[in-house]
Amino acid sequence: MKKRFLGIGWRSRIIFKRATAYISINKLVVEGCNLEKGKELYSYLAEDEKGRKIILTYLDGIKANKFKV
């Protein structure tokens, strides 16, 4: 899996509400990607070349066909 970084980084915080955990996204990223409240984003658990766990999130709301959700 190759990655291309765009020079934007942010820190996420895990939020618990009842039995579900949420991850917050920086407001500048939300506005820059024209995301709206209620829009679905597809995220996938993966590993990088060093074996570190990563979350891959598609911000365009299009499901990746090769991954199971």
C-alpha atoms as a PDB file:
ATOM      1  CA  MET A   1       0.000   0.000   0.000  1.00  0.00           C
ATOM      2  CA  LYS A   2       1.571   3.243  -1.096  1.00  0.00           C
ATOM      3  CA  LYS A   3       0.622   6.484   0.605  1.00  0.00           C
ATOM      4  CA  ARG A   4       0.993  10.072  -0.548  1.00  0.00           C
ATOM      5  CA  PHE A   5       0.823  12.635   2.223  1.00  0.00           C
ATOM      6  CA  LEU A   6      -0.676  16.034   1.404  1.00  0.00           C
ATOM      7  CA  GLY A   7       1.060  17.922   4.200  1.00  0.00           C
ATOM      8  CA  ILE A   8      -2.029  18.156   6.409  1.00  0.00           C
ATOM      9  CA  GLY A   9      -2.133  16.451   9.761  1.00  0.00           C
ATOM     10  CA  TRP A  10      -4.484  16.567  12.729  1.00  0.00           C
ATOM     11  CA  ARG A  11      -4.954  14.929  16.053  1.00  0.00           C
ATOM     12  CA  SER A  12      -8.118  12.898  16.621  1.00  0.00           C
ATOM     13  CA  ARG A  13      -9.770  12.286  19.927  1.00  0.00           C
ATOM     14  CA  ILE A  14     -11.828   9.215  20.734  1.00  0.00           C
ATOM     15  CA  ILE A  15     -15.257  10.087  22.118  1.00  0.00           C
ATOM     16  CA  PHE A  16     -17.436   7.487  23.844  1.00  0.00           C
ATOM     17  CA  LYS A  17     -21.209   7.742  23.803  1.00  0.00           C
ATOM     18  CA  ARG A  18     -22.941   4.720  25.273  1.00  0.00           C
ATOM     19  CA  ALA A  19     -21.494   1.621  23.558  1.00  0.00           C
ATOM     20  CA  THR A  20     -20.065   3.434  20.513  1.00  0.00           C
ATOM     21  CA  ALA A  21     -16.712   5.166  20.077  1.00  0.00           C
ATOM     22  CA  TYR A  22     -16.350   8.133  17.723  1.00  0.00           C
ATOM     23  CA  ILE A  23     -13.330   9.905  16.261  1.00  0.00           C
ATOM     24  CA  SER A  24     -13.469  13.653  15.748  1.00  0.00           C
ATOM     25  CA  ILE A  25     -12.200  15.317  12.556  1.00  0.00           C
ATOM     26  CA  ASN A  26     -10.680  18.788  12.576  1.00  0.00           C
ATOM     27  CA  LYS A  27     -13.102  21.508  11.450  1.00  0.00           C
ATOM     28  CA  LEU A  28     -10.621  22.839   8.856  1.00  0.00           C
ATOM     29  CA  VAL A  29     -10.494  19.397   7.219  1.00  0.00           C
ATOM     30  CA  VAL A  30     -14.307  19.149   7.248  1.00  0.00           C
ATOM     31  CA  GLU A  31     -14.682  22.576   5.629  1.00  0.00           C
ATOM     32  CA  GLY A  32     -11.829  21.980   3.157  1.00  0.00           C
ATOM     33  CA  CYS A  33     -13.423  18.738   1.948  1.00  0.00           C
ATOM     34  CA  ASN A  34     -16.967  20.182   1.872  1.00  0.00           C
ATOM     35  CA  LEU A  35     -18.232  17.605   4.367  1.00  0.00           C
ATOM     36  CA  GLU A  36     -21.669  18.101   5.884  1.00  0.00           C
ATOM     37  CA  LYS A  37     -23.338  16.838   9.031  1.00  0.00           C
ATOM     38  CA  GLY A  38     -24.820  13.386   8.464  1.00  0.00           C
ATOM     39  CA  LYS A  39     -22.641  12.520   5.453  1.00  0.00           C
ATOM     40  CA  GLU A  40     -21.333   8.952   5.547  1.00  0.00           C
ATOM     41  CA  LEU A  41     -17.599   8.345   5.377  1.00  0.00           C
ATOM     42  CA  TYR A  42     -16.127   4.898   4.803  1.00  0.00           C
ATOM     43  CA  SER A  43     -13.196   3.875   7.006  1.00  0.00           C
ATOM     44  CA  TYR A  44     -11.091   0.740   6.919  1.00  0.00           C
ATOM     45  CA  LEU A  45      -8.561  -0.751   9.317  1.00  0.00           C
ATOM     46  CA  ALA A  46      -5.186  -1.439   7.667  1.00  0.00           C
ATOM     47  CA  GLU A  47      -1.475  -1.820   8.389  1.00  0.00           C
ATOM     48  CA  ASP A  48       1.412   0.103   6.930  1.00  0.00           C
ATOM     49  CA  GLU A  49       4.730  -1.396   5.808  1.00  0.00           C
ATOM     50  CA  LYS A  50       6.022  -1.354   9.414  1.00  0.00           C
ATOM     51  CA  GLY A  51       2.990  -3.238  10.750  1.00  0.00           C
ATOM     52  CA  ARG A  52       1.468  -0.170  12.453  1.00  0.00           C
ATOM     53  CA  LYS A  53      -2.327  -0.121  12.570  1.00  0.00           C
ATOM     54  CA  ILE A  54      -3.881   2.719  10.567  1.00  0.00           C
ATOM     55  CA  ILE A  55      -7.403   3.870   9.747  1.00  0.00           C
ATOM     56  CA  LEU A  56      -7.957   4.685   6.105  1.00  0.00           C
ATOM     57  CA  THR A  57     -10.926   7.035   5.649  1.00  0.00           C
ATOM     58  CA  TYR A  58     -12.287   8.105   2.300  1.00  0.00           C
ATOM     59  CA  LEU A  59     -13.564  11.673   2.676  1.00  0.00           C
ATOM     60  CA  ASP A  60     -15.525  11.651  -0.600  1.00  0.00           C
ATOM     61  CA  GLY A  61     -18.191   9.291   0.791  1.00  0.00           C
ATOM     62  CA  ILE A  62     -17.616   6.667  -1.906  1.00  0.00           C
ATOM     63  CA  LYS A  63     -17.316   3.066  -0.730  1.00  0.00           C
ATOM     64  CA  ALA A  64     -14.159   1.219  -1.786  1.00  0.00           C
ATOM     65  CA  ASN A  65     -15.314  -1.906  -3.621  1.00  0.00           C
ATOM     66  CA  LYS A  66     -12.424  -4.109  -2.581  1.00  0.00           C
ATOM     67  CA  PHE A  67     -13.035  -3.717   1.171  1.00  0.00           C
ATOM     68  CA  LYS A  68     -15.815  -5.167   3.293  1.00  0.00           C
ATOM     69  CA  VAL A  69     -17.744  -2.714   5.470  1.00  0.00           C
END
